[in-house]
Amino acid sequence: MDAGWLSNSSAYYYGLDMTAIDFNPDVIEKAKETSKILSVNVKFQCADLFKFSCEPKDIVISVGVLHHTSDCLGGVRRCIELTRNGGVFIGLYHKYARKPFLDYFKTLKEENSDEDFLFKKYRELDGRHADETQAKSWFMDQVLHPYETQHTLEEIAGIFGSMVFPY
């Protein structure tokens, strides 16, 4: 199961039959288009992770999205609950991985830098996107996003330690 990222990469690279959920219907439609192009088997559902119900999955993946929710740690807990006993949950969250990047752009914003200047600085740091639309999309998510929480490894490990989940 893919909770929120919907990249189709697990289905494409590993041939997995995936269920993918996201609360945004526009994201679901774009992911469906991509899955057709890639010829992968993904079942998409527009759903709220916190209310979503299904049989526990062998693999649950949520990379880079839960920190945009109202309750990141609750989202991690929910992903663990949706993972079958003995299954695998993959989630990448680390406070210090993004902090210098976010602090840099926070300083630029406080200096009243406009969006064009911020985008130029973003492109200097991250030049991997040849497609300008994709670069702008990543910029908006990484720099202009409205909400993000940050958590330490200890906080995330504490969630695993508080649940009956072999990891």
N, C-alpha and C. Protein backbone atom coordinates (compact mmCIF):
# COMPACT_ATOMS: atom_id res chain seq x y z
N MET A 1 0.85 -1.18 0.00
CA MET A 1 0.00 0.00 0.00
C MET A 1 0.89 1.24 0.00
N ASP A 2 0.51 2.20 -0.77
CA ASP A 2 1.22 3.47 -0.84
C ASP A 2 0.31 4.53 -0.24
N ALA A 3 0.72 5.11 0.88
CA ALA A 3 -0.09 6.10 1.58
C ALA A 3 0.40 7.51 1.26
N GLY A 4 -0.18 8.11 0.24
CA GLY A 4 0.02 9.52 -0.01
C GLY A 4 1.02 9.96 -1.04
N TRP A 5 1.92 9.13 -1.48
CA TRP A 5 2.92 9.62 -2.43
C TRP A 5 2.54 9.29 -3.86
N LEU A 6 2.04 8.10 -4.09
CA LEU A 6 1.46 7.68 -5.37
C LEU A 6 2.41 7.80 -6.56
N SER A 7 3.66 7.46 -6.36
CA SER A 7 4.63 7.58 -7.45
C SER A 7 4.59 6.44 -8.43
N ASN A 8 3.94 5.34 -8.08
CA ASN A 8 3.88 4.14 -8.92
C ASN A 8 5.22 3.40 -8.97
N SER A 9 6.24 3.87 -8.27
CA SER A 9 7.57 3.27 -8.40
C SER A 9 7.63 1.84 -7.88
N SER A 10 6.94 1.52 -6.79
CA SER A 10 6.97 0.15 -6.26
C SER A 10 6.32 -0.82 -7.23
N ALA A 11 5.23 -0.41 -7.82
CA ALA A 11 4.56 -1.26 -8.80
C ALA A 11 5.42 -1.41 -10.05
N TYR A 12 6.05 -0.34 -10.46
CA TYR A 12 6.84 -0.35 -11.70
C TYR A 12 8.14 -1.14 -11.53
N TYR A 13 8.93 -0.80 -10.52
CA TYR A 13 10.24 -1.42 -10.37
C TYR A 13 10.20 -2.83 -9.79
N TYR A 14 9.21 -3.11 -8.95
CA TYR A 14 9.18 -4.40 -8.27
C TYR A 14 8.01 -5.28 -8.69
N GLY A 15 7.17 -4.78 -9.58
CA GLY A 15 6.05 -5.57 -10.07
C GLY A 15 5.00 -5.86 -9.02
N LEU A 16 4.90 -5.01 -8.02
CA LEU A 16 3.94 -5.23 -6.94
C LEU A 16 2.54 -4.78 -7.35
N ASP A 17 1.53 -5.52 -6.92
CA ASP A 17 0.15 -5.06 -7.02
C ASP A 17 -0.08 -4.16 -5.82
N MET A 18 -0.36 -2.90 -6.07
CA MET A 18 -0.43 -1.91 -5.00
C MET A 18 -1.83 -1.33 -4.86
N THR A 19 -2.15 -0.95 -3.63
CA THR A 19 -3.27 -0.08 -3.33
C THR A 19 -2.64 1.25 -2.96
N ALA A 20 -3.12 2.34 -3.53
CA ALA A 20 -2.57 3.65 -3.25
C ALA A 20 -3.70 4.58 -2.84
N ILE A 21 -3.50 5.29 -1.72
CA ILE A 21 -4.53 6.21 -1.26
C ILE A 21 -3.96 7.62 -1.14
N ASP A 22 -4.83 8.59 -1.36
CA ASP A 22 -4.52 10.00 -1.15
C ASP A 22 -5.86 10.71 -0.96
N PHE A 23 -5.88 11.76 -0.19
CA PHE A 23 -7.14 12.48 0.04
C PHE A 23 -7.46 13.45 -1.09
N ASN A 24 -6.51 13.70 -1.98
CA ASN A 24 -6.70 14.69 -3.04
C ASN A 24 -7.09 14.00 -4.35
N PRO A 25 -8.32 14.23 -4.84
CA PRO A 25 -8.76 13.56 -6.07
C PRO A 25 -7.93 13.95 -7.30
N ASP A 26 -7.37 15.15 -7.34
CA ASP A 26 -6.53 15.55 -8.47
C ASP A 26 -5.24 14.71 -8.51
N VAL A 27 -4.68 14.46 -7.34
CA VAL A 27 -3.48 13.62 -7.25
C VAL A 27 -3.80 12.21 -7.71
N ILE A 28 -4.95 11.70 -7.29
CA ILE A 28 -5.38 10.35 -7.69
C ILE A 28 -5.48 10.27 -9.22
N GLU A 29 -6.11 11.25 -9.84
CA GLU A 29 -6.27 11.23 -11.30
C GLU A 29 -4.93 11.27 -12.02
N LYS A 30 -4.02 12.11 -11.55
CA LYS A 30 -2.69 12.19 -12.17
C LYS A 30 -1.94 10.87 -12.00
N ALA A 31 -2.05 10.26 -10.82
CA ALA A 31 -1.38 8.98 -10.58
C ALA A 31 -1.97 7.88 -11.45
N LYS A 32 -3.28 7.92 -11.68
CA LYS A 32 -3.92 6.94 -12.58
C LYS A 32 -3.37 7.08 -14.00
N GLU A 33 -3.22 8.31 -14.45
CA GLU A 33 -2.66 8.55 -15.79
C GLU A 33 -1.25 7.96 -15.89
N THR A 34 -0.45 8.19 -14.85
CA THR A 34 0.91 7.68 -14.84
C THR A 34 0.94 6.17 -14.83
N SER A 35 0.04 5.56 -14.05
CA SER A 35 0.03 4.09 -13.98
C SER A 35 -0.34 3.47 -15.32
N LYS A 36 -1.20 4.13 -16.08
CA LYS A 36 -1.54 3.63 -17.43
C LYS A 36 -0.32 3.68 -18.34
N ILE A 37 0.39 4.79 -18.29
CA ILE A 37 1.59 4.95 -19.12
C ILE A 37 2.63 3.88 -18.77
N LEU A 38 2.78 3.59 -17.47
CA LEU A 38 3.77 2.62 -17.01
C LEU A 38 3.28 1.18 -17.08
N SER A 39 1.99 1.00 -17.37
CA SER A 39 1.37 -0.35 -17.42
C SER A 39 1.57 -1.11 -16.11
N VAL A 40 1.23 -0.45 -15.01
CA VAL A 40 1.35 -1.09 -13.70
C VAL A 40 -0.03 -1.31 -13.09
N ASN A 41 -0.10 -2.27 -12.17
CA ASN A 41 -1.35 -2.63 -11.54
C ASN A 41 -1.46 -1.95 -10.18
N VAL A 42 -2.14 -0.82 -10.16
CA VAL A 42 -2.34 -0.07 -8.92
C VAL A 42 -3.82 0.23 -8.78
N LYS A 43 -4.35 -0.05 -7.59
CA LYS A 43 -5.75 0.28 -7.27
C LYS A 43 -5.71 1.58 -6.47
N PHE A 44 -6.27 2.64 -7.05
CA PHE A 44 -6.26 3.95 -6.40
C PHE A 44 -7.56 4.20 -5.66
N GLN A 45 -7.45 4.81 -4.48
CA GLN A 45 -8.62 5.19 -3.71
C GLN A 45 -8.42 6.59 -3.15
N CYS A 46 -9.42 7.43 -3.32
CA CYS A 46 -9.41 8.74 -2.70
C CYS A 46 -9.92 8.54 -1.28
N ALA A 47 -9.03 8.68 -0.31
CA ALA A 47 -9.39 8.37 1.07
C ALA A 47 -8.51 9.13 2.05
N ASP A 48 -9.04 9.32 3.23
CA ASP A 48 -8.31 9.91 4.34
C ASP A 48 -7.61 8.78 5.08
N LEU A 49 -6.30 8.84 5.18
CA LEU A 49 -5.51 7.79 5.83
C LEU A 49 -6.04 7.48 7.23
N PHE A 50 -6.46 8.50 7.95
CA PHE A 50 -6.89 8.31 9.33
C PHE A 50 -8.24 7.60 9.44
N LYS A 51 -9.01 7.56 8.34
CA LYS A 51 -10.31 6.88 8.33
C LYS A 51 -10.31 5.65 7.42
N PHE A 52 -9.24 5.44 6.69
CA PHE A 52 -9.15 4.36 5.71
C PHE A 52 -9.16 3.00 6.40
N SER A 53 -9.91 2.07 5.83
CA SER A 53 -10.01 0.73 6.40
C SER A 53 -9.69 -0.30 5.32
N CYS A 54 -8.87 -1.27 5.67
CA CYS A 54 -8.55 -2.37 4.76
C CYS A 54 -7.92 -3.49 5.57
N GLU A 55 -7.79 -4.64 4.94
CA GLU A 55 -7.05 -5.73 5.56
C GLU A 55 -5.59 -5.29 5.68
N PRO A 56 -4.89 -5.72 6.73
CA PRO A 56 -3.47 -5.35 6.84
C PRO A 56 -2.68 -5.76 5.60
N LYS A 57 -1.75 -4.93 5.21
CA LYS A 57 -0.96 -5.12 3.99
C LYS A 57 0.44 -5.66 4.32
N ASP A 58 1.02 -6.37 3.36
CA ASP A 58 2.39 -6.88 3.53
C ASP A 58 3.40 -5.74 3.58
N ILE A 59 3.16 -4.73 2.77
CA ILE A 59 4.07 -3.58 2.69
C ILE A 59 3.24 -2.30 2.71
N VAL A 60 3.61 -1.37 3.57
CA VAL A 60 2.99 -0.04 3.58
C VAL A 60 4.13 0.97 3.41
N ILE A 61 3.96 1.84 2.43
CA ILE A 61 4.97 2.84 2.11
C ILE A 61 4.35 4.23 2.24
N SER A 62 5.04 5.11 2.96
CA SER A 62 4.63 6.51 3.02
C SER A 62 5.89 7.35 3.12
N VAL A 63 6.31 7.89 2.01
CA VAL A 63 7.57 8.60 1.95
C VAL A 63 7.32 10.09 1.67
N GLY A 64 7.67 10.92 2.64
CA GLY A 64 7.63 12.35 2.41
C GLY A 64 6.27 13.00 2.38
N VAL A 65 5.27 12.40 3.03
CA VAL A 65 3.94 13.02 3.00
C VAL A 65 3.33 13.23 4.38
N LEU A 66 3.59 12.35 5.31
CA LEU A 66 2.89 12.42 6.60
C LEU A 66 3.18 13.71 7.36
N HIS A 67 4.32 14.31 7.15
CA HIS A 67 4.65 15.56 7.84
C HIS A 67 3.82 16.73 7.31
N HIS A 68 3.06 16.51 6.25
CA HIS A 68 2.14 17.54 5.75
C HIS A 68 0.74 17.38 6.34
N THR A 69 0.50 16.34 7.13
CA THR A 69 -0.82 16.13 7.72
C THR A 69 -0.94 16.89 9.04
N SER A 70 -2.12 16.88 9.60
CA SER A 70 -2.33 17.55 10.89
C SER A 70 -1.72 16.76 12.04
N ASP A 71 -1.38 15.49 11.81
CA ASP A 71 -0.83 14.65 12.88
C ASP A 71 0.15 13.63 12.29
N CYS A 72 1.38 14.07 12.07
CA CYS A 72 2.38 13.20 11.46
C CYS A 72 2.60 11.93 12.26
N LEU A 73 2.78 12.06 13.56
CA LEU A 73 3.03 10.88 14.38
C LEU A 73 1.83 9.95 14.39
N GLY A 74 0.62 10.51 14.38
CA GLY A 74 -0.59 9.70 14.25
C GLY A 74 -0.64 9.00 12.90
N GLY A 75 -0.14 9.66 11.86
CA GLY A 75 -0.08 9.06 10.53
C GLY A 75 0.88 7.87 10.51
N VAL A 76 2.02 8.02 11.18
CA VAL A 76 2.96 6.89 11.28
C VAL A 76 2.28 5.73 12.01
N ARG A 77 1.60 6.05 13.13
CA ARG A 77 0.88 5.00 13.87
C ARG A 77 -0.13 4.29 12.98
N ARG A 78 -0.87 5.08 12.20
CA ARG A 78 -1.90 4.50 11.33
C ARG A 78 -1.27 3.59 10.27
N CYS A 79 -0.16 4.00 9.70
CA CYS A 79 0.53 3.15 8.72
C CYS A 79 0.98 1.84 9.36
N ILE A 80 1.46 1.91 10.59
CA ILE A 80 1.86 0.69 11.29
C ILE A 80 0.65 -0.21 11.50
N GLU A 81 -0.48 0.38 11.88
CA GLU A 81 -1.71 -0.41 12.07
C GLU A 81 -2.16 -1.09 10.78
N LEU A 82 -1.89 -0.46 9.64
CA LEU A 82 -2.30 -1.02 8.35
C LEU A 82 -1.30 -2.04 7.80
N THR A 83 -0.20 -2.24 8.52
CA THR A 83 0.82 -3.21 8.12
C THR A 83 0.58 -4.52 8.85
N ARG A 84 0.54 -5.63 8.11
CA ARG A 84 0.29 -6.92 8.73
C ARG A 84 1.45 -7.28 9.66
N ASN A 85 1.16 -8.11 10.65
CA ASN A 85 2.19 -8.60 11.56
C ASN A 85 3.27 -9.32 10.75
N GLY A 86 4.50 -8.90 10.87
CA GLY A 86 5.58 -9.46 10.09
C GLY A 86 5.81 -8.74 8.77
N GLY A 87 4.96 -7.76 8.47
CA GLY A 87 5.10 -6.99 7.23
C GLY A 87 6.14 -5.89 7.37
N VAL A 88 6.18 -5.03 6.38
CA VAL A 88 7.19 -3.98 6.33
C VAL A 88 6.51 -2.62 6.16
N PHE A 89 6.88 -1.68 7.01
CA PHE A 89 6.46 -0.28 6.86
C PHE A 89 7.70 0.52 6.48
N ILE A 90 7.60 1.28 5.40
CA ILE A 90 8.70 2.13 4.96
C ILE A 90 8.23 3.57 5.02
N GLY A 91 8.90 4.36 5.84
CA GLY A 91 8.59 5.77 5.95
C GLY A 91 9.87 6.53 6.25
N LEU A 92 10.11 7.59 5.53
CA LEU A 92 11.34 8.36 5.72
C LEU A 92 11.01 9.73 6.29
N TYR A 93 11.37 9.92 7.55
CA TYR A 93 11.13 11.19 8.21
C TYR A 93 12.29 11.45 9.15
N HIS A 94 12.93 12.55 9.01
CA HIS A 94 14.03 12.88 9.91
C HIS A 94 14.16 14.39 9.98
N LYS A 95 14.00 14.92 11.16
CA LYS A 95 14.00 16.36 11.38
C LYS A 95 15.23 17.05 10.79
N TYR A 96 16.40 16.47 11.01
CA TYR A 96 17.62 17.17 10.66
C TYR A 96 17.99 17.05 9.18
N ALA A 97 17.32 16.20 8.46
CA ALA A 97 17.60 16.06 7.04
C ALA A 97 17.18 17.30 6.26
N ARG A 98 16.09 17.94 6.67
CA ARG A 98 15.56 19.09 5.93
C ARG A 98 15.78 20.42 6.63
N LYS A 99 16.15 20.41 7.89
CA LYS A 99 16.24 21.64 8.65
C LYS A 99 17.15 22.70 8.03
N PRO A 100 18.38 22.38 7.62
CA PRO A 100 19.22 23.43 7.01
C PRO A 100 18.59 24.03 5.75
N PHE A 101 18.00 23.18 4.94
CA PHE A 101 17.33 23.61 3.71
C PHE A 101 16.18 24.56 4.04
N LEU A 102 15.33 24.15 4.98
CA LEU A 102 14.18 24.97 5.36
C LEU A 102 14.61 26.27 6.01
N ASP A 103 15.64 26.22 6.85
CA ASP A 103 16.14 27.44 7.49
C ASP A 103 16.67 28.44 6.45
N TYR A 104 17.35 27.93 5.44
CA TYR A 104 17.88 28.78 4.37
C TYR A 104 16.74 29.54 3.68
N PHE A 105 15.70 28.82 3.31
CA PHE A 105 14.58 29.47 2.61
C PHE A 105 13.75 30.34 3.56
N LYS A 106 13.69 29.98 4.81
CA LYS A 106 13.00 30.83 5.79
C LYS A 106 13.69 32.19 5.87
N THR A 107 15.02 32.18 5.90
CA THR A 107 15.79 33.43 5.94
C THR A 107 15.53 34.26 4.69
N LEU A 108 15.54 33.62 3.53
CA LEU A 108 15.27 34.34 2.28
C LEU A 108 13.86 34.95 2.29
N LYS A 109 12.89 34.20 2.80
CA LYS A 109 11.51 34.71 2.87
C LYS A 109 11.44 35.91 3.82
N GLU A 110 12.14 35.82 4.95
CA GLU A 110 12.14 36.92 5.92
C GLU A 110 12.79 38.17 5.34
N GLU A 111 13.67 37.99 4.36
CA GLU A 111 14.30 39.12 3.67
C GLU A 111 13.42 39.64 2.53
N ASN A 112 12.17 39.16 2.50
CA ASN A 112 11.17 39.57 1.51
C ASN A 112 11.54 39.19 0.07
N SER A 113 12.23 38.07 -0.08
CA SER A 113 12.51 37.57 -1.43
C SER A 113 11.21 37.14 -2.08
N ASP A 114 11.06 37.46 -3.37
CA ASP A 114 9.83 37.06 -4.05
C ASP A 114 9.94 35.61 -4.54
N GLU A 115 8.82 35.08 -5.02
CA GLU A 115 8.75 33.68 -5.42
C GLU A 115 9.72 33.35 -6.55
N ASP A 116 9.89 34.27 -7.50
CA ASP A 116 10.81 34.02 -8.61
C ASP A 116 12.25 33.88 -8.11
N PHE A 117 12.64 34.73 -7.16
CA PHE A 117 13.99 34.65 -6.60
C PHE A 117 14.16 33.35 -5.82
N LEU A 118 13.15 32.97 -5.03
CA LEU A 118 13.21 31.72 -4.27
C LEU A 118 13.33 30.52 -5.21
N PHE A 119 12.58 30.56 -6.31
CA PHE A 119 12.64 29.45 -7.27
C PHE A 119 14.03 29.37 -7.91
N LYS A 120 14.61 30.53 -8.22
CA LYS A 120 15.97 30.56 -8.79
C LYS A 120 16.95 29.91 -7.82
N LYS A 121 16.86 30.26 -6.55
CA LYS A 121 17.75 29.69 -5.53
C LYS A 121 17.50 28.19 -5.37
N TYR A 122 16.24 27.78 -5.45
CA TYR A 122 15.91 26.36 -5.37
C TYR A 122 16.56 25.60 -6.52
N ARG A 123 16.47 26.15 -7.73
CA ARG A 123 17.06 25.49 -8.91
C ARG A 123 18.58 25.40 -8.80
N GLU A 124 19.20 26.37 -8.14
CA GLU A 124 20.65 26.30 -7.92
C GLU A 124 21.01 25.13 -7.00
N LEU A 125 20.14 24.85 -6.04
CA LEU A 125 20.39 23.76 -5.09
C LEU A 125 19.95 22.40 -5.63
N ASP A 126 18.91 22.39 -6.42
CA ASP A 126 18.34 21.13 -6.92
C ASP A 126 18.14 21.24 -8.43
N GLY A 127 19.13 20.82 -9.17
CA GLY A 127 19.06 20.93 -10.62
C GLY A 127 18.67 19.64 -11.32
N ARG A 128 18.13 18.66 -10.58
CA ARG A 128 17.86 17.35 -11.17
C ARG A 128 16.64 17.32 -12.07
N HIS A 129 15.76 18.29 -12.01
CA HIS A 129 14.53 18.26 -12.80
C HIS A 129 14.72 19.01 -14.11
N ALA A 130 14.80 18.26 -15.21
CA ALA A 130 14.95 18.89 -16.52
C ALA A 130 13.66 19.57 -16.95
N ASP A 131 12.54 18.98 -16.54
CA ASP A 131 11.23 19.53 -16.89
C ASP A 131 10.90 20.69 -15.95
N GLU A 132 10.65 21.85 -16.51
CA GLU A 132 10.39 23.05 -15.70
C GLU A 132 9.12 22.93 -14.86
N THR A 133 8.09 22.28 -15.40
CA THR A 133 6.85 22.10 -14.65
C THR A 133 7.08 21.21 -13.44
N GLN A 134 7.84 20.14 -13.63
CA GLN A 134 8.16 19.26 -12.51
C GLN A 134 8.99 20.00 -11.47
N ALA A 135 9.96 20.77 -11.92
CA ALA A 135 10.80 21.54 -11.00
C ALA A 135 9.95 22.51 -10.18
N LYS A 136 9.02 23.19 -10.84
CA LYS A 136 8.14 24.14 -10.15
C LYS A 136 7.26 23.41 -9.13
N SER A 137 6.78 22.24 -9.50
CA SER A 137 5.95 21.45 -8.59
C SER A 137 6.74 21.05 -7.34
N TRP A 138 7.96 20.57 -7.54
CA TRP A 138 8.80 20.20 -6.41
C TRP A 138 9.12 21.43 -5.56
N PHE A 139 9.41 22.54 -6.19
CA PHE A 139 9.69 23.79 -5.48
C PHE A 139 8.51 24.18 -4.59
N MET A 140 7.32 24.10 -5.16
CA MET A 140 6.13 24.48 -4.39
C MET A 140 5.95 23.55 -3.19
N ASP A 141 6.21 22.25 -3.37
CA ASP A 141 6.08 21.31 -2.27
C ASP A 141 7.19 21.50 -1.24
N GLN A 142 8.41 21.67 -1.70
CA GLN A 142 9.56 21.72 -0.80
C GLN A 142 9.77 23.08 -0.13
N VAL A 143 9.38 24.15 -0.81
CA VAL A 143 9.68 25.50 -0.30
C VAL A 143 8.43 26.27 0.09
N LEU A 144 7.40 26.21 -0.72
CA LEU A 144 6.22 27.04 -0.47
C LEU A 144 5.07 26.31 0.22
N HIS A 145 5.26 25.02 0.52
CA HIS A 145 4.17 24.24 1.11
C HIS A 145 3.64 24.92 2.37
N PRO A 146 2.36 24.75 2.62
CA PRO A 146 1.75 25.48 3.72
C PRO A 146 2.03 24.90 5.10
N TYR A 147 2.40 23.61 5.17
CA TYR A 147 2.48 23.00 6.49
C TYR A 147 3.45 21.83 6.48
N GLU A 148 4.32 21.77 7.47
CA GLU A 148 5.22 20.63 7.61
C GLU A 148 5.68 20.56 9.05
N THR A 149 5.63 19.38 9.63
CA THR A 149 6.20 19.17 10.95
C THR A 149 7.49 18.38 10.79
N GLN A 150 8.34 18.46 11.78
CA GLN A 150 9.62 17.75 11.74
C GLN A 150 9.76 16.93 13.02
N HIS A 151 10.30 15.72 12.86
CA HIS A 151 10.39 14.81 13.99
C HIS A 151 11.75 14.14 14.03
N THR A 152 12.22 13.89 15.24
CA THR A 152 13.51 13.24 15.41
C THR A 152 13.36 11.73 15.29
N LEU A 153 14.48 11.07 15.11
CA LEU A 153 14.49 9.61 15.06
C LEU A 153 13.95 9.04 16.37
N GLU A 154 14.26 9.68 17.48
CA GLU A 154 13.77 9.21 18.78
C GLU A 154 12.25 9.25 18.85
N GLU A 155 11.64 10.31 18.33
CA GLU A 155 10.17 10.40 18.32
C GLU A 155 9.55 9.28 17.50
N ILE A 156 10.09 9.06 16.31
CA ILE A 156 9.55 8.02 15.44
C ILE A 156 9.78 6.64 16.05
N ALA A 157 10.97 6.40 16.58
CA ALA A 157 11.26 5.11 17.22
C ALA A 157 10.34 4.91 18.42
N GLY A 158 10.00 5.98 19.11
CA GLY A 158 9.09 5.88 20.25
C GLY A 158 7.72 5.37 19.85
N ILE A 159 7.27 5.74 18.68
CA ILE A 159 5.98 5.25 18.19
C ILE A 159 6.05 3.74 17.99
N PHE A 160 7.12 3.29 17.35
CA PHE A 160 7.27 1.85 17.14
C PHE A 160 7.36 1.12 18.47
N GLY A 161 8.09 1.70 19.42
CA GLY A 161 8.24 1.06 20.72
C GLY A 161 6.96 0.99 21.51
N SER A 162 6.03 1.90 21.25
CA SER A 162 4.77 1.93 22.01
C SER A 162 3.70 1.03 21.40
N MET A 163 3.99 0.43 20.26
CA MET A 163 2.99 -0.40 19.58
C MET A 163 3.47 -1.84 19.52
N VAL A 164 2.52 -2.74 19.41
CA VAL A 164 2.85 -4.14 19.23
C VAL A 164 3.14 -4.32 17.74
N PHE A 165 4.40 -4.19 17.40
CA PHE A 165 4.81 -4.25 15.99
C PHE A 165 6.26 -4.69 15.94
N PRO A 166 6.53 -5.86 15.41
CA PRO A 166 7.93 -6.31 15.35
C PRO A 166 8.70 -5.56 14.27
N TYR A 167 9.69 -4.79 14.68
CA TYR A 167 10.50 -4.07 13.70
C TYR A 167 11.96 -4.30 13.95
